[in-house]
């Protein structure tokens, strides 16, 4: 995981503990060996406020934003479709946070705080 992929506010695992990035660059004690991404799953989507509206489609509604993540029926990976016939693979929590910000210019925060999903 390269530090250039992170933004302040991203959630990652440091020494196997859930942490929110509060400064960049990351502190020196955050090395590739002890800093890991968090794999995106249904629990994390729920923690961010996504609702499963149809089978394998998860949506968050933050007026006027409607943002949907779908699960590929074959690979079971999470994807974000922005245009017809093209989807972005979203494997990790920080990738979802960064994609959401890039598209909406709003931060994707946890609905009940960091401790609810740790």
N, C-alpha and C. Protein backbone atom coordinates (compact mmCIF):
# COMPACT_ATOMS: atom_id res chain seq x y z
N UNK A 1 0.84 -1.17 0.00
CA UNK A 1 0.00 0.00 0.00
C UNK A 1 0.88 1.23 0.00
N UNK A 2 0.68 2.09 -0.94
CA UNK A 2 1.49 3.29 -1.03
C UNK A 2 0.76 4.46 -0.37
N UNK A 3 1.52 5.29 0.32
CA UNK A 3 0.95 6.43 1.02
C UNK A 3 0.22 7.39 0.08
N UNK A 4 0.62 7.43 -1.18
CA UNK A 4 -0.02 8.34 -2.14
C UNK A 4 -1.48 7.97 -2.38
N UNK A 5 -1.91 6.78 -1.97
CA UNK A 5 -3.29 6.35 -2.17
C UNK A 5 -4.21 6.81 -1.05
N UNK A 6 -3.67 7.47 -0.03
CA UNK A 6 -4.46 7.85 1.13
C UNK A 6 -4.78 9.33 1.15
N UNK A 7 -5.85 9.64 1.86
CA UNK A 7 -6.24 11.01 2.16
C UNK A 7 -6.51 11.09 3.65
N UNK A 8 -6.43 12.29 4.20
CA UNK A 8 -6.81 12.47 5.60
C UNK A 8 -8.27 12.07 5.73
N UNK A 9 -8.56 11.29 6.75
CA UNK A 9 -9.91 10.78 6.98
C UNK A 9 -10.10 9.34 6.55
N UNK A 10 -9.16 8.80 5.75
CA UNK A 10 -9.26 7.40 5.34
C UNK A 10 -9.12 6.49 6.56
N UNK A 11 -9.80 5.36 6.49
CA UNK A 11 -9.70 4.34 7.54
C UNK A 11 -8.78 3.23 7.06
N UNK A 12 -7.81 2.86 7.91
CA UNK A 12 -6.87 1.78 7.61
C UNK A 12 -6.58 1.02 8.89
N UNK A 13 -5.86 -0.08 8.76
CA UNK A 13 -5.40 -0.83 9.92
C UNK A 13 -3.92 -0.53 10.14
N UNK A 14 -3.59 -0.09 11.33
CA UNK A 14 -2.21 0.12 11.72
C UNK A 14 -1.96 -0.75 12.94
N UNK A 15 -1.00 -1.66 12.83
CA UNK A 15 -0.75 -2.65 13.89
C UNK A 15 -2.05 -3.39 14.22
N UNK A 16 -2.85 -3.73 13.19
CA UNK A 16 -4.12 -4.45 13.32
C UNK A 16 -5.18 -3.71 14.11
N UNK A 17 -5.02 -2.40 14.28
CA UNK A 17 -6.03 -1.58 14.95
C UNK A 17 -6.61 -0.59 13.95
N UNK A 18 -7.93 -0.43 13.99
CA UNK A 18 -8.60 0.50 13.10
C UNK A 18 -8.18 1.92 13.44
N UNK A 19 -7.72 2.66 12.44
CA UNK A 19 -7.25 4.03 12.64
C UNK A 19 -7.78 4.91 11.53
N UNK A 20 -8.04 6.15 11.85
CA UNK A 20 -8.38 7.16 10.86
C UNK A 20 -7.13 7.98 10.61
N UNK A 21 -6.78 8.18 9.36
CA UNK A 21 -5.60 8.97 9.04
C UNK A 21 -5.88 10.42 9.39
N UNK A 22 -5.02 10.98 10.23
CA UNK A 22 -5.20 12.37 10.66
C UNK A 22 -4.11 13.29 10.14
N UNK A 23 -3.03 12.70 9.58
CA UNK A 23 -1.97 13.51 9.00
C UNK A 23 -1.29 12.75 7.88
N UNK A 24 -0.79 13.50 6.95
CA UNK A 24 0.02 12.96 5.86
C UNK A 24 1.29 13.78 5.75
N UNK A 25 2.41 13.18 5.50
CA UNK A 25 2.59 11.74 5.31
C UNK A 25 2.34 10.98 6.61
N UNK A 26 2.14 9.68 6.47
CA UNK A 26 1.93 8.83 7.64
C UNK A 26 3.15 8.88 8.54
N UNK A 27 2.96 8.73 9.85
CA UNK A 27 4.11 8.71 10.77
C UNK A 27 5.11 7.62 10.39
N UNK A 28 6.35 7.80 10.80
CA UNK A 28 7.42 6.87 10.44
C UNK A 28 7.18 5.45 10.94
N UNK A 29 6.42 5.30 12.04
CA UNK A 29 6.17 3.95 12.55
C UNK A 29 5.13 3.20 11.73
N UNK A 30 4.56 3.84 10.71
CA UNK A 30 3.60 3.19 9.80
C UNK A 30 4.35 2.72 8.57
N UNK A 31 4.74 1.47 8.59
CA UNK A 31 5.49 0.90 7.47
C UNK A 31 4.57 -0.04 6.69
N UNK A 32 5.06 -0.51 5.55
CA UNK A 32 4.28 -1.45 4.75
C UNK A 32 3.97 -2.72 5.53
N UNK A 33 4.79 -3.06 6.52
CA UNK A 33 4.58 -4.29 7.29
C UNK A 33 3.45 -4.16 8.31
N UNK A 34 3.20 -2.95 8.81
CA UNK A 34 2.19 -2.82 9.86
C UNK A 34 1.00 -1.96 9.46
N UNK A 35 0.94 -1.51 8.21
CA UNK A 35 -0.17 -0.71 7.72
C UNK A 35 -0.87 -1.48 6.61
N UNK A 36 -2.17 -1.73 6.82
CA UNK A 36 -2.92 -2.56 5.87
C UNK A 36 -4.26 -1.94 5.52
N UNK A 37 -4.73 -2.19 4.31
CA UNK A 37 -6.06 -1.72 3.94
C UNK A 37 -7.13 -2.55 4.65
N UNK A 38 -8.33 -2.04 4.70
CA UNK A 38 -9.47 -2.75 5.25
C UNK A 38 -10.30 -3.24 4.06
N UNK A 39 -10.49 -4.54 3.99
CA UNK A 39 -11.28 -5.12 2.89
C UNK A 39 -12.74 -4.67 3.02
N UNK A 40 -13.29 -4.22 1.90
CA UNK A 40 -14.68 -3.78 1.87
C UNK A 40 -15.60 -4.99 1.92
N UNK A 41 -16.61 -4.91 2.75
CA UNK A 41 -17.62 -5.96 2.84
C UNK A 41 -18.97 -5.33 3.19
N UNK A 42 -20.00 -6.14 3.31
CA UNK A 42 -21.34 -5.62 3.59
C UNK A 42 -21.39 -4.88 4.92
N UNK A 43 -20.66 -5.36 5.92
CA UNK A 43 -20.66 -4.69 7.23
C UNK A 43 -20.15 -3.27 7.09
N UNK A 44 -19.08 -3.08 6.32
CA UNK A 44 -18.54 -1.74 6.14
C UNK A 44 -19.50 -0.85 5.36
N UNK A 45 -20.15 -1.40 4.35
CA UNK A 45 -21.13 -0.60 3.62
C UNK A 45 -22.23 -0.13 4.57
N UNK A 46 -22.68 -1.02 5.45
CA UNK A 46 -23.69 -0.65 6.43
C UNK A 46 -23.17 0.43 7.38
N UNK A 47 -21.92 0.31 7.80
CA UNK A 47 -21.34 1.31 8.70
C UNK A 47 -21.29 2.70 8.07
N UNK A 48 -21.15 2.76 6.77
CA UNK A 48 -21.14 4.04 6.06
C UNK A 48 -22.54 4.54 5.74
N UNK A 49 -23.55 3.71 5.98
CA UNK A 49 -24.92 4.13 5.73
C UNK A 49 -25.54 3.63 4.45
N UNK A 50 -24.84 2.73 3.76
CA UNK A 50 -25.41 2.14 2.55
C UNK A 50 -26.54 1.18 2.93
N UNK A 51 -27.55 1.12 2.10
CA UNK A 51 -28.70 0.24 2.31
C UNK A 51 -28.78 -0.70 1.11
N UNK A 52 -29.00 -1.99 1.38
CA UNK A 52 -29.17 -2.95 0.29
C UNK A 52 -30.58 -2.78 -0.27
N UNK A 53 -30.69 -2.10 -1.40
CA UNK A 53 -31.99 -1.78 -1.98
C UNK A 53 -32.52 -2.90 -2.86
N UNK A 54 -31.65 -3.55 -3.58
CA UNK A 54 -32.01 -4.74 -4.34
C UNK A 54 -30.87 -5.72 -4.14
N UNK A 55 -31.08 -6.95 -4.57
CA UNK A 55 -30.05 -7.96 -4.38
C UNK A 55 -28.73 -7.49 -4.98
N UNK A 56 -27.72 -7.40 -4.13
CA UNK A 56 -26.36 -7.04 -4.52
C UNK A 56 -26.20 -5.58 -4.99
N UNK A 57 -27.13 -4.70 -4.65
CA UNK A 57 -27.00 -3.27 -4.92
C UNK A 57 -27.16 -2.50 -3.62
N UNK A 58 -26.15 -1.73 -3.27
CA UNK A 58 -26.12 -0.99 -2.02
C UNK A 58 -26.07 0.50 -2.34
N UNK A 59 -26.97 1.27 -1.74
CA UNK A 59 -27.10 2.68 -2.07
C UNK A 59 -27.05 3.54 -0.82
N UNK A 60 -26.39 4.68 -0.95
CA UNK A 60 -26.42 5.69 0.10
C UNK A 60 -27.07 6.92 -0.51
N UNK A 61 -27.99 7.50 0.24
CA UNK A 61 -28.71 8.68 -0.22
C UNK A 61 -28.40 9.83 0.72
N UNK A 62 -27.70 10.82 0.19
CA UNK A 62 -27.35 12.03 0.92
C UNK A 62 -27.76 13.18 0.02
N UNK A 63 -28.98 13.61 0.16
CA UNK A 63 -29.55 14.58 -0.78
C UNK A 63 -28.56 15.68 -1.13
N UNK A 64 -28.32 15.94 -2.38
CA UNK A 64 -28.97 15.38 -3.58
C UNK A 64 -28.23 14.16 -4.15
N UNK A 65 -27.31 13.58 -3.38
CA UNK A 65 -26.47 12.50 -3.89
C UNK A 65 -27.14 11.14 -3.71
N UNK A 66 -27.11 10.36 -4.76
CA UNK A 66 -27.49 8.95 -4.70
C UNK A 66 -26.30 8.18 -5.28
N UNK A 67 -25.65 7.39 -4.45
CA UNK A 67 -24.40 6.71 -4.82
C UNK A 67 -24.61 5.22 -4.60
N UNK A 68 -24.35 4.42 -5.63
CA UNK A 68 -24.62 2.98 -5.56
C UNK A 68 -23.35 2.17 -5.80
N UNK A 69 -23.21 1.14 -4.99
CA UNK A 69 -22.16 0.12 -5.14
C UNK A 69 -22.89 -1.19 -5.44
N UNK A 70 -22.42 -1.93 -6.41
CA UNK A 70 -23.03 -3.23 -6.68
C UNK A 70 -21.98 -4.34 -6.53
N UNK A 71 -22.48 -5.52 -6.26
CA UNK A 71 -21.59 -6.69 -6.15
C UNK A 71 -21.70 -7.47 -7.45
N UNK A 72 -20.55 -7.72 -8.06
CA UNK A 72 -20.51 -8.50 -9.29
C UNK A 72 -21.05 -9.90 -8.98
N UNK A 73 -22.02 -10.35 -9.75
CA UNK A 73 -22.67 -11.62 -9.48
C UNK A 73 -21.76 -12.82 -9.68
N UNK A 74 -20.73 -12.67 -10.51
CA UNK A 74 -19.82 -13.78 -10.77
C UNK A 74 -18.65 -13.78 -9.78
N UNK A 75 -17.96 -12.64 -9.67
CA UNK A 75 -16.76 -12.57 -8.83
C UNK A 75 -17.06 -12.22 -7.38
N UNK A 76 -18.25 -11.67 -7.12
CA UNK A 76 -18.67 -11.22 -5.78
C UNK A 76 -17.89 -9.99 -5.30
N UNK A 77 -17.13 -9.36 -6.19
CA UNK A 77 -16.39 -8.15 -5.84
C UNK A 77 -17.31 -6.94 -5.91
N UNK A 78 -16.99 -5.92 -5.11
CA UNK A 78 -17.78 -4.69 -5.12
C UNK A 78 -17.30 -3.79 -6.24
N UNK A 79 -18.26 -3.16 -6.92
CA UNK A 79 -17.98 -2.32 -8.07
C UNK A 79 -18.81 -1.04 -7.96
N UNK A 80 -18.34 0.00 -8.62
CA UNK A 80 -19.09 1.25 -8.74
C UNK A 80 -19.21 1.56 -10.23
N UNK A 81 -20.43 1.61 -10.72
CA UNK A 81 -20.66 1.89 -12.14
C UNK A 81 -20.95 3.38 -12.29
N UNK A 82 -20.12 4.05 -13.07
CA UNK A 82 -20.29 5.48 -13.30
C UNK A 82 -20.89 5.76 -14.66
N UNK A 83 -20.58 4.92 -15.63
CA UNK A 83 -21.14 5.05 -16.97
C UNK A 83 -21.53 3.65 -17.44
N UNK A 84 -22.41 3.60 -18.43
CA UNK A 84 -22.87 2.31 -18.94
C UNK A 84 -21.68 1.47 -19.41
N UNK A 85 -21.69 0.21 -19.04
CA UNK A 85 -20.70 -0.77 -19.47
C UNK A 85 -19.30 -0.55 -18.89
N UNK A 86 -19.16 0.26 -17.84
CA UNK A 86 -17.84 0.42 -17.21
C UNK A 86 -18.02 0.59 -15.71
N UNK A 87 -17.33 -0.24 -14.95
CA UNK A 87 -17.39 -0.17 -13.49
C UNK A 87 -15.99 -0.12 -12.92
N UNK A 88 -15.87 0.53 -11.77
CA UNK A 88 -14.62 0.56 -11.02
C UNK A 88 -14.66 -0.52 -9.96
N UNK A 89 -13.59 -1.26 -9.84
CA UNK A 89 -13.45 -2.23 -8.76
C UNK A 89 -13.12 -1.47 -7.48
N UNK A 90 -13.83 -1.79 -6.40
CA UNK A 90 -13.61 -1.15 -5.11
C UNK A 90 -13.36 -2.28 -4.10
N UNK A 91 -12.08 -2.50 -3.77
CA UNK A 91 -11.74 -3.62 -2.90
C UNK A 91 -11.61 -3.23 -1.43
N UNK A 92 -11.22 -1.99 -1.17
CA UNK A 92 -10.89 -1.58 0.19
C UNK A 92 -11.69 -0.36 0.63
N UNK A 93 -11.84 -0.21 1.93
CA UNK A 93 -12.59 0.89 2.51
C UNK A 93 -12.04 2.24 2.07
N UNK A 94 -10.72 2.42 2.11
CA UNK A 94 -10.16 3.73 1.73
C UNK A 94 -10.41 4.03 0.25
N UNK A 95 -10.47 3.00 -0.59
CA UNK A 95 -10.77 3.22 -2.00
C UNK A 95 -12.21 3.73 -2.18
N UNK A 96 -13.14 3.15 -1.41
CA UNK A 96 -14.52 3.63 -1.45
C UNK A 96 -14.59 5.08 -0.97
N UNK A 97 -13.90 5.39 0.13
CA UNK A 97 -13.90 6.76 0.64
C UNK A 97 -13.34 7.73 -0.41
N UNK A 98 -12.25 7.35 -1.06
CA UNK A 98 -11.63 8.23 -2.04
C UNK A 98 -12.49 8.39 -3.29
N UNK A 99 -13.10 7.31 -3.76
CA UNK A 99 -13.96 7.38 -4.93
C UNK A 99 -15.19 8.24 -4.64
N UNK A 100 -15.79 8.05 -3.47
CA UNK A 100 -16.96 8.83 -3.09
C UNK A 100 -16.61 10.32 -3.07
N UNK A 101 -15.46 10.66 -2.50
CA UNK A 101 -15.04 12.07 -2.45
C UNK A 101 -14.77 12.60 -3.85
N UNK A 102 -14.10 11.82 -4.68
CA UNK A 102 -13.77 12.27 -6.04
C UNK A 102 -15.02 12.58 -6.85
N UNK A 103 -16.06 11.82 -6.64
CA UNK A 103 -17.28 12.00 -7.41
C UNK A 103 -18.20 13.06 -6.80
N UNK A 104 -18.32 13.07 -5.47
CA UNK A 104 -19.32 13.93 -4.82
C UNK A 104 -18.75 15.18 -4.18
N UNK A 105 -17.44 15.21 -3.95
CA UNK A 105 -16.77 16.28 -3.20
C UNK A 105 -17.27 16.37 -1.75
N UNK A 106 -17.80 15.25 -1.25
CA UNK A 106 -18.21 15.14 0.15
C UNK A 106 -17.49 13.95 0.78
N UNK A 107 -17.21 14.07 2.06
CA UNK A 107 -16.56 12.97 2.78
C UNK A 107 -17.57 11.87 3.07
N UNK A 108 -17.11 10.64 2.99
CA UNK A 108 -17.93 9.48 3.35
C UNK A 108 -17.52 9.07 4.76
N UNK A 109 -18.35 9.39 5.72
CA UNK A 109 -18.04 9.09 7.11
C UNK A 109 -18.90 7.96 7.64
N UNK A 110 -18.49 7.43 8.76
CA UNK A 110 -19.23 6.36 9.40
C UNK A 110 -20.48 6.93 10.07
N UNK A 111 -21.60 6.26 9.92
CA UNK A 111 -22.85 6.79 10.45
C UNK A 111 -22.89 6.78 11.98
N UNK A 112 -22.18 5.86 12.63
CA UNK A 112 -22.21 5.79 14.08
C UNK A 112 -20.84 5.93 14.72
N UNK A 113 -19.87 6.47 14.00
CA UNK A 113 -18.53 6.66 14.55
C UNK A 113 -17.64 5.47 14.35
N UNK A 114 -16.35 5.70 14.56
CA UNK A 114 -15.33 4.70 14.25
C UNK A 114 -15.44 3.46 15.14
N UNK A 115 -15.86 3.61 16.38
CA UNK A 115 -15.88 2.46 17.29
C UNK A 115 -16.97 1.45 16.91
N UNK A 116 -18.02 1.89 16.20
CA UNK A 116 -19.10 0.99 15.83
C UNK A 116 -18.67 -0.07 14.84
N UNK A 117 -17.63 0.17 14.06
CA UNK A 117 -17.22 -0.78 13.04
C UNK A 117 -15.86 -1.41 13.31
N UNK A 118 -15.32 -1.19 14.47
CA UNK A 118 -14.00 -1.78 14.75
C UNK A 118 -14.11 -3.17 15.29
